[in-house]
Amino acid sequence: MATAVIGGITTRFEVAGSGPPLLMFSPGGFNAMLANWTSLGIYRRLNLLTHLTEKYTCVQFDRRESGESGGRVERVTWADYAAQGKGLLDHLGIDRAHLIGGCAGCSVVAAFGTSHPDRTASMVMFSPAGGAKYRMKQHDRFVRHLAYVAEHGLDGVVALAADSDQSFTQDPRLGPWVSVIRGDGEFARAYAKQDPERYQLVVSGMARTLFDRDTAPGAEPEDLMRLEIPAFVVPGHDDSHATSAARYLEECLPAAEYWDVPVGEQTERTVPPRLLRFLDAAGGEDRW
């Protein structure tokens, strides 16, 4: 594994395979680690990385505040997550890449594509996170964290993190900076000394602006509708990956191809070949 400092934040990344670059925005919600492409749910079952690295240079990384990447207490936005990906491309000397996102990684792909269309060869959005239940679940997660802070203080969050190996997704009391608290003692000490009222404003604003709609968040529809970038959308179908979120992306993206396949038929036999056909058609023959 390698690291790069992007926007003042340490980013853990890995490059595997050969061919045109494919920037991979990890699934896993607030625990968006590169390892999730091979260990998490459907992604493990599909064995996507093995197939993609046969034809593409796959750039994977721990999203900020996840895994072994660092972080910073601020009102984090989808644009901030996208900026980390762009910074990694800059670090590697890659001018233009295909993008793939899983789960909430699709929202980062949308933010990247609308902010940096000239750096985006194509966009794959696999099982986009979104829907009314998803929004409500995320808001509740932040409310529960702030309730714990109000009762136990920020030093209580640091103590809880030390006694637990769970993520913010698994235990909302821990908050979105738990992995950085565990991995960086200096950060943990500074975190515990923050002004609680200022912290409450940061966290409340982060929840409201990240999850501001009952569909797939990440970019405004008017901005998506101006993109002519080839996109491939594969639907999910559960409380966190509503099919309506995938259909919304199909509606907003002019060059979108929607693969209307039930989740139960998304297998290693069907998915990797279909994704590779899309990437190849979208200019996969280009090298960097």
Protein backbone atom coordinates (compact mmCIF):
# COMPACT_ATOMS: atom_id res chain seq x y z
CA MET A 1 0.00 0.00 0.00
CA ALA A 2 1.11 3.57 -0.71
CA THR A 3 0.06 6.95 0.66
CA ALA A 4 -0.17 10.48 -0.72
CA VAL A 5 -1.00 13.75 1.02
CA ILE A 6 -3.96 15.31 -0.82
CA GLY A 7 -5.34 18.62 0.35
CA GLY A 8 -3.46 18.16 3.61
CA ILE A 9 -5.03 14.74 4.25
CA THR A 10 -3.12 11.45 4.04
CA THR A 11 -4.71 9.12 1.49
CA ARG A 12 -4.00 5.39 1.43
CA PHE A 13 -4.18 3.96 -2.08
CA GLU A 14 -3.28 1.01 -4.27
CA VAL A 15 -2.79 0.69 -8.03
CA ALA A 16 -3.36 -2.69 -9.65
CA GLY A 17 -3.66 -4.04 -13.18
CA SER A 18 -2.68 -2.49 -16.49
CA GLY A 19 -4.40 -0.56 -19.25
CA PRO A 20 -6.48 2.63 -19.18
CA PRO A 21 -6.92 4.16 -15.70
CA LEU A 22 -10.07 3.40 -13.72
CA LEU A 23 -10.57 5.46 -10.56
CA MET A 24 -12.60 3.48 -8.03
CA PHE A 25 -14.76 5.21 -5.40
CA SER A 26 -15.31 2.56 -2.74
CA PRO A 27 -18.65 1.32 -1.45
CA GLY A 28 -19.32 1.07 2.26
CA GLY A 29 -20.98 4.32 3.31
CA PHE A 30 -18.89 6.03 6.00
CA ASN A 31 -16.47 3.10 5.98
CA ALA A 32 -15.47 3.43 2.31
CA MET A 33 -12.21 1.48 2.28
CA LEU A 34 -10.49 0.13 -0.81
CA ALA A 35 -10.70 -3.37 0.71
CA ASN A 36 -14.49 -3.24 0.31
CA TRP A 37 -14.15 -3.96 -3.41
CA THR A 38 -13.07 -7.50 -2.49
CA SER A 39 -14.61 -8.06 0.94
CA LEU A 40 -18.01 -6.36 1.10
CA GLY A 41 -21.27 -8.05 0.19
CA ILE A 42 -22.12 -8.13 -3.49
CA TYR A 43 -18.69 -6.77 -4.50
CA ARG A 44 -16.99 -9.79 -2.98
CA ARG A 45 -19.47 -12.08 -4.73
CA LEU A 46 -18.97 -10.43 -8.11
CA ASN A 47 -15.16 -10.57 -7.86
CA LEU A 48 -15.11 -7.28 -9.77
CA LEU A 49 -11.54 -6.30 -9.07
CA THR A 50 -10.08 -9.50 -10.48
CA HIS A 51 -11.89 -8.97 -13.77
CA LEU A 52 -11.32 -5.21 -14.03
CA THR A 53 -7.57 -5.42 -13.44
CA GLU A 54 -7.22 -7.72 -16.45
CA LYS A 55 -7.86 -4.75 -18.77
CA TYR A 56 -7.65 -1.60 -16.64
CA THR A 57 -5.27 0.11 -14.24
CA CYS A 58 -7.46 0.18 -11.14
CA VAL A 59 -6.76 3.02 -8.72
CA GLN A 60 -8.34 2.21 -5.37
CA PHE A 61 -8.16 4.23 -2.17
CA ASP A 62 -9.55 4.67 1.32
CA ARG A 63 -11.89 7.63 1.21
CA ARG A 64 -11.00 10.39 3.67
CA GLU A 65 -12.20 9.52 7.20
CA SER A 66 -12.19 5.82 6.23
CA GLY A 67 -9.75 2.98 6.66
CA GLU A 68 -6.17 4.22 6.95
CA SER A 69 -6.74 7.58 5.29
CA GLY A 70 -6.74 10.69 7.43
CA GLY A 71 -9.35 13.35 7.85
CA ARG A 72 -10.21 16.78 9.17
CA VAL A 73 -13.15 18.01 11.23
CA GLU A 74 -15.11 20.16 8.82
CA ARG A 75 -18.45 20.11 7.03
CA VAL A 76 -17.48 17.50 4.48
CA THR A 77 -19.33 17.58 1.14
CA TRP A 78 -19.53 15.31 -1.88
CA ALA A 79 -17.29 17.82 -3.65
CA ASP A 80 -14.65 17.27 -0.95
CA TYR A 81 -14.77 13.53 -1.55
CA ALA A 82 -14.46 14.13 -5.30
CA ALA A 83 -11.51 16.47 -4.74
CA GLN A 84 -9.66 13.65 -3.01
CA GLY A 85 -10.05 11.50 -6.12
CA LYS A 86 -8.91 14.29 -8.40
CA GLY A 87 -5.90 14.93 -6.18
CA LEU A 88 -4.98 11.27 -6.39
CA LEU A 89 -5.11 11.40 -10.20
CA ASP A 90 -2.87 14.47 -10.07
CA HIS A 91 -0.44 12.66 -7.78
CA LEU A 92 -0.25 9.73 -10.18
CA GLY A 93 0.07 11.91 -13.28
CA ILE A 94 -3.22 10.73 -14.78
CA ASP A 95 -4.96 13.34 -16.92
CA ARG A 96 -8.22 11.49 -17.55
CA ALA A 97 -9.79 8.33 -16.14
CA HIS A 98 -12.88 6.18 -16.19
CA LEU A 99 -14.77 6.30 -12.87
CA ILE A 100 -16.62 3.59 -11.01
CA GLY A 101 -18.52 4.00 -7.76
CA GLY A 102 -20.34 1.52 -5.59
CA CYS A 103 -23.10 2.43 -3.13
CA ALA A 104 -22.40 5.97 -1.83
CA GLY A 105 -19.38 6.01 -4.13
CA CYS A 106 -21.85 6.73 -6.93
CA SER A 107 -22.61 10.09 -5.34
CA VAL A 108 -18.90 10.91 -5.41
CA VAL A 109 -18.74 9.87 -9.07
CA ALA A 110 -21.62 12.27 -9.80
CA ALA A 111 -19.83 15.07 -7.96
CA PHE A 112 -16.56 14.33 -9.76
CA GLY A 113 -18.16 14.18 -13.19
CA THR A 114 -19.98 17.49 -12.81
CA SER A 115 -16.94 19.24 -11.31
CA HIS A 116 -14.27 17.76 -13.59
CA PRO A 117 -15.89 16.60 -16.85
CA ASP A 118 -12.62 17.05 -18.73
CA ARG A 119 -10.97 14.50 -16.43
CA THR A 120 -13.80 11.96 -16.78
CA ALA A 121 -13.81 9.38 -19.58
CA SER A 122 -16.93 7.56 -18.37
CA MET A 123 -18.92 6.84 -15.22
CA VAL A 124 -20.08 3.49 -13.85
CA MET A 125 -22.60 3.78 -11.03
CA PHE A 126 -23.16 0.42 -9.39
CA SER A 127 -26.06 0.12 -6.94
CA PRO A 128 -26.35 3.85 -6.16
CA ALA A 129 -27.18 4.69 -2.55
CA GLY A 130 -30.31 6.77 -2.20
CA GLY A 131 -34.02 6.87 -1.57
CA ALA A 132 -36.26 8.29 1.16
CA LYS A 133 -35.43 5.56 3.68
CA TYR A 134 -31.73 6.05 3.00
CA ARG A 135 -31.96 9.79 3.70
CA MET A 136 -33.87 9.22 6.93
CA LYS A 137 -31.40 6.57 8.07
CA GLN A 138 -28.44 8.87 7.50
CA HIS A 139 -30.02 11.80 9.33
CA ASP A 140 -30.87 9.54 12.27
CA ARG A 141 -27.24 8.35 12.39
CA PHE A 142 -25.97 11.90 12.86
CA VAL A 143 -28.67 12.73 15.42
CA ARG A 144 -27.67 9.71 17.51
CA HIS A 145 -24.02 10.73 17.37
CA LEU A 146 -24.77 14.27 18.53
CA ALA A 147 -26.96 12.92 21.33
CA TYR A 148 -24.01 10.85 22.55
CA VAL A 149 -21.72 13.89 22.37
CA ALA A 150 -24.23 15.95 24.36
CA GLU A 151 -24.30 13.33 27.12
CA HIS A 152 -20.68 12.14 27.20
CA GLY A 153 -18.65 14.91 25.56
CA LEU A 154 -16.13 14.66 22.75
CA ASP A 155 -13.65 12.98 25.08
CA GLY A 156 -16.34 10.35 25.60
CA VAL A 157 -16.37 9.70 21.85
CA VAL A 158 -12.59 9.24 21.91
CA ALA A 159 -12.88 6.79 24.82
CA LEU A 160 -15.66 4.86 23.08
CA ALA A 161 -13.59 4.63 19.89
CA ALA A 162 -10.68 3.15 21.84
CA ASP A 163 -12.92 0.41 23.28
CA SER A 164 -14.58 -0.49 19.96
CA ASP A 165 -13.63 -1.69 16.50
CA GLN A 166 -16.88 -0.64 14.86
CA SER A 167 -17.41 2.09 12.28
CA PHE A 168 -19.80 5.04 12.27
CA THR A 169 -22.03 3.01 9.97
CA GLN A 170 -22.18 0.19 12.52
CA ASP A 171 -22.38 2.34 15.67
CA PRO A 172 -23.64 5.91 15.14
CA ARG A 173 -22.39 7.03 18.56
CA LEU A 174 -18.82 6.97 17.20
CA GLY A 175 -19.28 9.72 14.60
CA PRO A 176 -17.81 10.18 11.13
CA TRP A 177 -14.20 10.75 12.32
CA VAL A 178 -13.84 7.52 14.30
CA SER A 179 -11.23 5.88 12.04
CA VAL A 180 -9.00 8.97 12.25
CA ILE A 181 -9.42 9.09 16.04
CA ARG A 182 -8.19 5.51 16.24
CA GLY A 183 -5.33 5.91 13.82
CA ASP A 184 -3.91 9.30 14.84
CA GLY A 185 -3.28 10.10 18.49
CA GLU A 186 -2.62 13.77 17.82
CA PHE A 187 -5.91 14.07 15.94
CA ALA A 188 -7.73 12.31 18.81
CA ARG A 189 -6.36 14.74 21.39
CA ALA A 190 -7.31 17.76 19.27
CA TYR A 191 -10.76 16.26 18.57
CA ALA A 192 -11.51 15.91 22.29
CA LYS A 193 -10.60 19.58 22.93
CA GLN A 194 -12.95 21.10 20.33
CA ASP A 195 -15.69 23.56 21.17
CA PRO A 196 -18.80 21.33 21.45
CA GLU A 197 -21.13 24.02 20.09
CA ARG A 198 -18.99 24.56 17.00
CA TYR A 199 -18.75 20.80 16.53
CA GLN A 200 -22.54 20.50 16.68
CA LEU A 201 -22.85 23.06 13.89
CA VAL A 202 -20.31 21.24 11.72
CA VAL A 203 -21.99 17.85 12.15
CA SER A 204 -25.54 19.14 11.70
CA GLY A 205 -24.56 20.98 8.54
CA MET A 206 -22.76 17.93 7.19
CA ALA A 207 -25.83 15.72 7.65
CA ARG A 208 -28.20 18.26 6.10
CA THR A 209 -26.11 18.99 3.02
CA LEU A 210 -24.81 15.49 2.27
CA PHE A 211 -28.27 13.93 2.47
CA ASP A 212 -30.50 16.66 1.12
CA ARG A 213 -32.87 14.72 -1.14
CA ASP A 214 -34.93 11.53 -1.37
CA THR A 215 -32.97 10.19 -4.30
CA ALA A 216 -29.26 9.82 -5.17
CA PRO A 217 -27.34 12.77 -3.68
CA GLY A 218 -24.03 14.13 -4.94
CA ALA A 219 -24.80 16.60 -7.72
CA GLU A 220 -27.60 18.90 -8.77
CA PRO A 221 -29.90 17.55 -11.50
CA GLU A 222 -29.32 20.61 -13.70
CA ASP A 223 -25.58 19.90 -13.63
CA LEU A 224 -26.05 16.21 -14.37
CA MET A 225 -28.29 17.06 -17.31
CA ARG A 226 -25.48 19.07 -18.92
CA LEU A 227 -23.05 16.15 -18.95
CA GLU A 228 -22.39 14.27 -22.17
CA ILE A 229 -20.17 11.70 -20.46
CA PRO A 230 -21.06 8.04 -21.11
CA ALA A 231 -22.59 6.57 -17.96
CA PHE A 232 -23.63 3.07 -16.99
CA VAL A 233 -26.13 2.66 -14.15
CA VAL A 234 -26.79 -0.66 -12.40
CA PRO A 235 -29.68 -0.63 -9.90
CA GLY A 236 -29.84 -1.83 -6.33
CA HIS A 237 -33.05 -2.71 -4.53
CA ASP A 238 -33.13 -2.26 -0.76
CA ASP A 239 -33.65 0.43 1.87
CA SER A 240 -30.23 2.00 1.28
CA HIS A 241 -30.01 1.48 -2.49
CA ALA A 242 -33.46 2.25 -3.78
CA THR A 243 -34.10 1.41 -7.42
CA SER A 244 -35.60 4.90 -7.72
CA ALA A 245 -32.14 6.38 -7.05
CA ALA A 246 -30.71 4.51 -10.03
CA ARG A 247 -33.64 5.55 -12.22
CA TYR A 248 -33.09 9.17 -11.18
CA LEU A 249 -29.51 9.03 -12.44
CA GLU A 250 -30.71 7.50 -15.69
CA GLU A 251 -33.22 10.33 -16.05
CA CYS A 252 -30.70 13.09 -15.37
CA LEU A 253 -27.69 11.84 -17.33
CA PRO A 254 -28.18 12.35 -21.10
CA ALA A 255 -25.67 9.67 -22.09
CA ALA A 256 -26.72 7.13 -19.47
CA GLU A 257 -27.28 3.48 -20.19
CA TYR A 258 -29.48 1.80 -17.59
CA TRP A 259 -29.00 -1.93 -17.16
CA ASP A 260 -32.41 -3.15 -16.06
CA VAL A 261 -31.28 -6.33 -14.31
CA PRO A 262 -32.61 -7.54 -10.93
CA VAL A 263 -30.09 -7.75 -8.09
CA GLY A 264 -30.57 -11.51 -7.95
CA GLU A 265 -29.31 -11.78 -11.51
CA GLN A 266 -26.23 -9.65 -10.86
CA THR A 267 -23.61 -12.39 -10.72
CA GLU A 268 -19.94 -12.84 -11.54
CA ARG A 269 -21.01 -14.44 -14.80
CA THR A 270 -23.16 -11.49 -15.89
CA VAL A 271 -21.78 -8.29 -14.35
CA PRO A 272 -18.01 -8.11 -15.07
CA PRO A 273 -18.36 -8.84 -18.81
CA ARG A 274 -21.12 -6.25 -19.11
CA LEU A 275 -19.10 -3.57 -17.30
CA LEU A 276 -16.05 -4.30 -19.44
CA ARG A 277 -18.11 -3.99 -22.64
CA PHE A 278 -19.32 -0.58 -21.52
CA LEU A 279 -15.84 0.64 -20.55
CA ASP A 280 -14.34 -0.60 -23.81
CA ALA A 281 -17.06 1.14 -25.84
CA ALA A 282 -16.54 4.35 -23.84
CA GLY A 283 -12.94 4.62 -24.94
CA GLY A 284 -11.21 1.91 -23.01
CA GLU A 285 -8.59 1.52 -25.70
CA ASP A 286 -6.94 4.81 -24.64
CA ARG A 287 -3.74 4.52 -22.60
CA TRP A 288 -2.07 6.83 -20.12
